[in-house]
Amino acid sequence: PRSRGLGDVYKRQALGLATPSALTCAMAKLNKQGILLKRADALEQITTINTVALDKTGTLTQGKFSIKQDWYADTVDSTKAWEISVALESRSEHPIANAFSGDVLHRVSQFSVTPGGGISGEINGANFTMGSAAFCEISPESLPISANVYLATDGKLVAAFQVSDSLRTVSYTHLTL
């Protein structure tokens, strides 16, 4: 067996100093590009990532929601259901509410917001919920559209909407890097 010389010790020390320096430089470069890492070991794990999920309205997207498709129950007057949706959403501060624009023709009472779920209120003596399927306590499996906002009353689905936002042009560049 060969004895370890002073050169081997220096190589290990140099490597021990170079690795943290390289990680620090990499994190600084990422910070300049707007990517913040809380821990340096995240760089070591980045090679195992196969999916990235982003949810930042107005940063990657334009922040201008629109209704791509709508659906109304057969037993419902679609104009009235739309008016109710507009009235409820007019009280909401969520960015999605801007997709439901129009004249507010109904007074909403007992309005409430459930973060992450939706909104609810009383219109003309009837209680309405608007938001996710879980919040509205409905099962939308058989709908002909891919909806993400629902209007319900007494656990019955009244209307469904596919609301979406468009990616900013620069987002395509950032997401394909």
C-alpha atoms as a PDB file:
ATOM      1  CA  PRO A   1       0.000   0.000   0.000  1.00  0.00           C
ATOM      2  CA  ARG A   2       1.208   3.381  -0.882  1.00  0.00           C
ATOM      3  CA  SER A   3       1.449   6.056   1.758  1.00  0.00           C
ATOM      4  CA  ARG A   4      -0.470   9.235   1.313  1.00  0.00           C
ATOM      5  CA  GLY A   5       1.664  12.199   0.683  1.00  0.00           C
ATOM      6  CA  LEU A   6       1.137  15.820   1.380  1.00  0.00           C
ATOM      7  CA  GLY A   7      -0.206  16.293  -2.172  1.00  0.00           C
ATOM      8  CA  ASP A   8      -3.218  14.070  -1.473  1.00  0.00           C
ATOM      9  CA  VAL A   9      -4.050  16.087   1.643  1.00  0.00           C
ATOM     10  CA  TYR A  10      -3.888  19.346  -0.334  1.00  0.00           C
ATOM     11  CA  LYS A  11      -6.115  17.908  -3.071  1.00  0.00           C
ATOM     12  CA  ARG A  12      -8.757  16.925  -0.516  1.00  0.00           C
ATOM     13  CA  GLN A  13      -8.556  20.352   1.113  1.00  0.00           C
ATOM     14  CA  ALA A  14      -8.795  22.080  -2.262  1.00  0.00           C
ATOM     15  CA  LEU A  15     -11.861  20.023  -3.164  1.00  0.00           C
ATOM     16  CA  GLY A  16     -13.337  20.768   0.252  1.00  0.00           C
ATOM     17  CA  LEU A  17     -12.969  24.498  -0.427  1.00  0.00           C
ATOM     18  CA  ALA A  18     -13.922  24.442  -4.113  1.00  0.00           C
ATOM     19  CA  THR A  19     -17.281  22.689  -3.710  1.00  0.00           C
ATOM     20  CA  PRO A  20     -18.895  25.258  -1.364  1.00  0.00           C
ATOM     21  CA  SER A  21     -17.452  28.068  -3.493  1.00  0.00           C
ATOM     22  CA  ALA A  22     -18.946  26.575  -6.664  1.00  0.00           C
ATOM     23  CA  LEU A  23     -22.349  26.177  -4.979  1.00  0.00           C
ATOM     24  CA  THR A  24     -22.227  29.770  -3.711  1.00  0.00           C
ATOM     25  CA  CYS A  25     -21.390  31.068  -7.209  1.00  0.00           C
ATOM     26  CA  ALA A  26     -24.166  28.994  -8.773  1.00  0.00           C
ATOM     27  CA  MET A  27     -26.730  30.279  -6.260  1.00  0.00           C
ATOM     28  CA  ALA A  28     -25.615  33.887  -6.834  1.00  0.00           C
ATOM     29  CA  LYS A  29     -26.010  33.459 -10.598  1.00  0.00           C
ATOM     30  CA  LEU A  30     -29.470  31.950 -10.158  1.00  0.00           C
ATOM     31  CA  ASN A  31     -30.478  34.805  -7.834  1.00  0.00           C
ATOM     32  CA  LYS A  32     -29.478  37.328 -10.517  1.00  0.00           C
ATOM     33  CA  GLN A  33     -31.809  35.488 -12.913  1.00  0.00           C
ATOM     34  CA  GLY A  34     -34.688  35.670 -10.437  1.00  0.00           C
ATOM     35  CA  ILE A  35     -34.466  32.118  -9.094  1.00  0.00           C
ATOM     36  CA  LEU A  36     -34.225  31.924  -5.330  1.00  0.00           C
ATOM     37  CA  LEU A  37     -32.977  28.751  -3.660  1.00  0.00           C
ATOM     38  CA  LYS A  38     -33.306  28.457   0.084  1.00  0.00           C
ATOM     39  CA  ARG A  39     -30.776  25.637   0.383  1.00  0.00           C
ATOM     40  CA  ALA A  40     -27.649  24.866  -1.627  1.00  0.00           C
ATOM     41  CA  ASP A  41     -28.347  21.123  -1.553  1.00  0.00           C
ATOM     42  CA  ALA A  42     -31.337  21.800  -3.825  1.00  0.00           C
ATOM     43  CA  LEU A  43     -28.841  22.120  -6.677  1.00  0.00           C
ATOM     44  CA  GLU A  44     -27.686  18.555  -6.067  1.00  0.00           C
ATOM     45  CA  GLN A  45     -31.286  17.308  -6.243  1.00  0.00           C
ATOM     46  CA  ILE A  46     -32.218  19.249  -9.388  1.00  0.00           C
ATOM     47  CA  THR A  47     -31.162  16.415 -11.692  1.00  0.00           C
ATOM     48  CA  THR A  48     -33.933  14.201 -10.300  1.00  0.00           C
ATOM     49  CA  ILE A  49     -36.758  16.705 -11.018  1.00  0.00           C
ATOM     50  CA  ASN A  50     -39.152  15.613 -13.754  1.00  0.00           C
ATOM     51  CA  THR A  51     -42.091  17.961 -13.068  1.00  0.00           C
ATOM     52  CA  VAL A  52     -42.274  21.624 -12.136  1.00  0.00           C
ATOM     53  CA  ALA A  53     -45.593  23.166 -11.041  1.00  0.00           C
ATOM     54  CA  LEU A  54     -45.960  26.927 -10.982  1.00  0.00           C
ATOM     55  CA  ASP A  55     -48.871  28.933  -9.656  1.00  0.00           C
ATOM     56  CA  LYS A  56     -48.264  32.638  -9.799  1.00  0.00           C
ATOM     57  CA  THR A  57     -51.077  34.664 -11.354  1.00  0.00           C
ATOM     58  CA  GLY A  58     -49.778  37.685 -13.195  1.00  0.00           C
ATOM     59  CA  THR A  59     -46.115  36.578 -13.192  1.00  0.00           C
ATOM     60  CA  LEU A  60     -46.157  33.763 -15.723  1.00  0.00           C
ATOM     61  CA  THR A  61     -49.665  34.561 -16.912  1.00  0.00           C
ATOM     62  CA  GLN A  62     -51.259  37.779 -18.078  1.00  0.00           C
ATOM     63  CA  GLY A  63     -53.573  37.934 -15.063  1.00  0.00           C
ATOM     64  CA  LYS A  64     -56.587  38.505 -17.325  1.00  0.00           C
ATOM     65  CA  PHE A  65     -59.018  35.658 -16.824  1.00  0.00           C
ATOM     66  CA  SER A  66     -61.697  34.851 -19.370  1.00  0.00           C
ATOM     67  CA  ILE A  67     -64.436  32.295 -19.728  1.00  0.00           C
ATOM     68  CA  LYS A  68     -63.562  29.808 -22.456  1.00  0.00           C
ATOM     69  CA  GLN A  69     -66.693  27.655 -22.145  1.00  0.00           C
ATOM     70  CA  ASP A  70     -69.886  27.647 -20.122  1.00  0.00           C
ATOM     71  CA  TRP A  71     -72.604  25.116 -19.426  1.00  0.00           C
ATOM     72  CA  TYR A  72     -76.055  25.486 -17.835  1.00  0.00           C
ATOM     73  CA  ALA A  73     -78.350  22.832 -16.411  1.00  0.00           C
ATOM     74  CA  ASP A  74     -81.311  21.988 -18.663  1.00  0.00           C
ATOM     75  CA  THR A  75     -83.825  23.191 -16.078  1.00  0.00           C
ATOM     76  CA  VAL A  76     -82.132  26.576 -15.662  1.00  0.00           C
ATOM     77  CA  ASP A  77     -82.606  29.883 -17.436  1.00  0.00           C
ATOM     78  CA  SER A  78     -79.028  30.535 -18.615  1.00  0.00           C
ATOM     79  CA  THR A  79     -79.497  34.319 -18.542  1.00  0.00           C
ATOM     80  CA  LYS A  80     -80.590  34.251 -14.885  1.00  0.00           C
ATOM     81  CA  ALA A  81     -77.778  31.853 -13.943  1.00  0.00           C
ATOM     82  CA  TRP A  82     -75.260  34.183 -15.604  1.00  0.00           C
ATOM     83  CA  GLU A  83     -76.748  37.199 -13.776  1.00  0.00           C
ATOM     84  CA  ILE A  84     -76.450  35.348 -10.454  1.00  0.00           C
ATOM     85  CA  SER A  85     -72.842  34.438 -11.242  1.00  0.00           C
ATOM     86  CA  VAL A  86     -72.039  38.072 -12.081  1.00  0.00           C
ATOM     87  CA  ALA A  87     -73.730  39.289  -8.887  1.00  0.00           C
ATOM     88  CA  LEU A  88     -71.799  36.847  -6.685  1.00  0.00           C
ATOM     89  CA  GLU A  89     -68.446  37.465  -8.370  1.00  0.00           C
ATOM     90  CA  SER A  90     -68.937  41.253  -8.195  1.00  0.00           C
ATOM     91  CA  ARG A  91     -68.438  40.921  -4.434  1.00  0.00           C
ATOM     92  CA  SER A  92     -65.275  38.815  -4.747  1.00  0.00           C
ATOM     93  CA  GLU A  93     -61.732  40.187  -4.724  1.00  0.00           C
ATOM     94  CA  HIS A  94     -60.267  37.099  -6.422  1.00  0.00           C
ATOM     95  CA  PRO A  95     -58.700  37.747  -9.874  1.00  0.00           C
ATOM     96  CA  ILE A  96     -60.980  35.110 -11.439  1.00  0.00           C
ATOM     97  CA  ALA A  97     -63.981  37.283 -10.572  1.00  0.00           C
ATOM     98  CA  ASN A  98     -62.995  39.685 -13.365  1.00  0.00           C
ATOM     99  CA  ALA A  99     -63.988  37.043 -15.933  1.00  0.00           C
ATOM    100  CA  PHE A 100     -67.606  37.445 -14.815  1.00  0.00           C
ATOM    101  CA  SER A 101     -68.268  40.950 -16.036  1.00  0.00           C
ATOM    102  CA  GLY A 102     -71.663  42.467 -16.642  1.00  0.00           C
ATOM    103  CA  ASP A 103     -74.349  44.534 -15.010  1.00  0.00           C
ATOM    104  CA  VAL A 104     -75.112  43.515 -11.444  1.00  0.00           C
ATOM    105  CA  LEU A 105     -78.869  42.990 -11.446  1.00  0.00           C
ATOM    106  CA  HIS A 106     -79.280  41.112  -8.167  1.00  0.00           C
ATOM    107  CA  ARG A 107     -78.601  42.118  -4.584  1.00  0.00           C
ATOM    108  CA  VAL A 108     -76.368  39.665  -2.715  1.00  0.00           C
ATOM    109  CA  SER A 109     -76.799  39.265   1.036  1.00  0.00           C
ATOM    110  CA  GLN A 110     -74.955  37.094   3.547  1.00  0.00           C
ATOM    111  CA  PHE A 111     -71.939  37.037   1.247  1.00  0.00           C
ATOM    112  CA  SER A 112     -68.931  35.060   2.437  1.00  0.00           C
ATOM    113  CA  VAL A 113     -65.565  33.987   1.092  1.00  0.00           C
ATOM    114  CA  THR A 114     -63.961  30.637   1.823  1.00  0.00           C
ATOM    115  CA  PRO A 115     -60.238  30.870   0.894  1.00  0.00           C
ATOM    116  CA  GLY A 116     -59.270  28.085  -1.481  1.00  0.00           C
ATOM    117  CA  GLY A 117     -62.898  27.090  -1.967  1.00  0.00           C
ATOM    118  CA  GLY A 118     -65.164  29.779  -3.289  1.00  0.00           C
ATOM    119  CA  ILE A 119     -67.871  32.266  -2.425  1.00  0.00           C
ATOM    120  CA  SER A 120     -71.433  32.046  -1.250  1.00  0.00           C
ATOM    121  CA  GLY A 121     -74.358  34.369  -0.850  1.00  0.00           C
ATOM    122  CA  GLU A 122     -78.095  34.712  -0.804  1.00  0.00           C
ATOM    123  CA  ILE A 123     -79.956  36.107  -3.815  1.00  0.00           C
ATOM    124  CA  ASN A 124     -83.752  36.488  -3.823  1.00  0.00           C
ATOM    125  CA  GLY A 125     -84.062  34.133  -0.833  1.00  0.00           C
ATOM    126  CA  ALA A 126     -81.978  31.327  -2.371  1.00  0.00           C
ATOM    127  CA  ASN A 127     -78.502  30.321  -1.182  1.00  0.00           C
ATOM    128  CA  PHE A 128     -75.832  29.980  -3.869  1.00  0.00           C
ATOM    129  CA  THR A 129     -72.261  28.709  -3.794  1.00  0.00           C
ATOM    130  CA  MET A 130     -69.700  29.388  -6.484  1.00  0.00           C
ATOM    131  CA  GLY A 131     -66.210  27.949  -6.705  1.00  0.00           C
ATOM    132  CA  SER A 132     -64.632  24.502  -6.786  1.00  0.00           C
ATOM    133  CA  ALA A 133     -66.707  21.336  -7.155  1.00  0.00           C
ATOM    134  CA  ALA A 134     -65.785  20.302  -3.613  1.00  0.00           C
ATOM    135  CA  PHE A 135     -66.820  23.679  -2.212  1.00  0.00           C
ATOM    136  CA  CYS A 136     -70.141  23.548  -4.088  1.00  0.00           C
ATOM    137  CA  GLU A 137     -70.606  19.928  -2.949  1.00  0.00           C
ATOM    138  CA  ILE A 138     -71.342  18.665  -6.453  1.00  0.00           C
ATOM    139  CA  SER A 139     -69.989  15.907  -8.721  1.00  0.00           C
ATOM    140  CA  PRO A 140     -69.264  17.297 -12.194  1.00  0.00           C
ATOM    141  CA  GLU A 141     -68.039  14.085 -13.851  1.00  0.00           C
ATOM    142  CA  SER A 142     -70.602  14.001 -16.663  1.00  0.00           C
ATOM    143  CA  LEU A 143     -70.253  17.606 -17.847  1.00  0.00           C
ATOM    144  CA  PRO A 144     -69.511  18.192 -21.531  1.00  0.00           C
ATOM    145  CA  ILE A 145     -66.901  20.846 -20.680  1.00  0.00           C
ATOM    146  CA  SER A 146     -63.750  20.839 -18.568  1.00  0.00           C
ATOM    147  CA  ALA A 147     -65.001  23.297 -15.952  1.00  0.00           C
ATOM    148  CA  ASN A 148     -63.108  24.710 -12.986  1.00  0.00           C
ATOM    149  CA  VAL A 149     -65.726  27.105 -11.536  1.00  0.00           C
ATOM    150  CA  TYR A 150     -69.201  25.912 -10.572  1.00  0.00           C
ATOM    151  CA  LEU A 151     -72.455  27.583  -9.503  1.00  0.00           C
ATOM    152  CA  ALA A 152     -74.780  25.554  -7.297  1.00  0.00           C
ATOM    153  CA  THR A 153     -77.821  26.001  -5.098  1.00  0.00           C
ATOM    154  CA  ASP A 154     -78.917  23.509  -2.455  1.00  0.00           C
ATOM    155  CA  GLY A 155     -76.271  21.033  -3.660  1.00  0.00           C
ATOM    156  CA  LYS A 156     -77.623  21.096  -7.235  1.00  0.00           C
ATOM    157  CA  LEU A 157     -75.417  22.175 -10.102  1.00  0.00           C
ATOM    158  CA  VAL A 158     -76.780  25.241 -11.885  1.00  0.00           C
ATOM    159  CA  ALA A 159     -73.881  26.239 -14.148  1.00  0.00           C
ATOM    160  CA  ALA A 160     -70.254  25.441 -14.862  1.00  0.00           C
ATOM    161  CA  PHE A 161     -67.505  27.571 -16.365  1.00  0.00           C
ATOM    162  CA  GLN A 162     -64.076  26.924 -17.802  1.00  0.00           C
ATOM    163  CA  VAL A 163     -62.066  29.953 -16.728  1.00  0.00           C
ATOM    164  CA  SER A 164     -58.487  30.355 -17.913  1.00  0.00           C
ATOM    165  CA  ASP A 165     -55.626  32.784 -18.225  1.00  0.00           C
ATOM    166  CA  SER A 166     -53.028  33.056 -20.985  1.00  0.00           C
ATOM    167  CA  LEU A 167     -49.282  32.714 -20.541  1.00  0.00           C
ATOM    168  CA  ARG A 168     -47.237  35.846 -21.063  1.00  0.00           C
ATOM    169  CA  THR A 169     -45.098  35.711 -24.191  1.00  0.00           C
ATOM    170  CA  VAL A 170     -41.897  35.849 -22.129  1.00  0.00           C
ATOM    171  CA  SER A 171     -43.100  32.872 -20.065  1.00  0.00           C
ATOM    172  CA  TYR A 172     -42.740  30.574 -23.063  1.00  0.00           C
ATOM    173  CA  THR A 173     -39.062  31.520 -23.229  1.00  0.00           C
ATOM    174  CA  HIS A 174     -38.514  30.993 -19.505  1.00  0.00           C
ATOM    175  CA  LEU A 175     -40.374  27.703 -19.415  1.00  0.00           C
ATOM    176  CA  THR A 176     -38.431  26.205 -22.319  1.00  0.00           C
ATOM    177  CA  LEU A 177     -34.948  27.041 -21.048  1.00  0.00           C
END
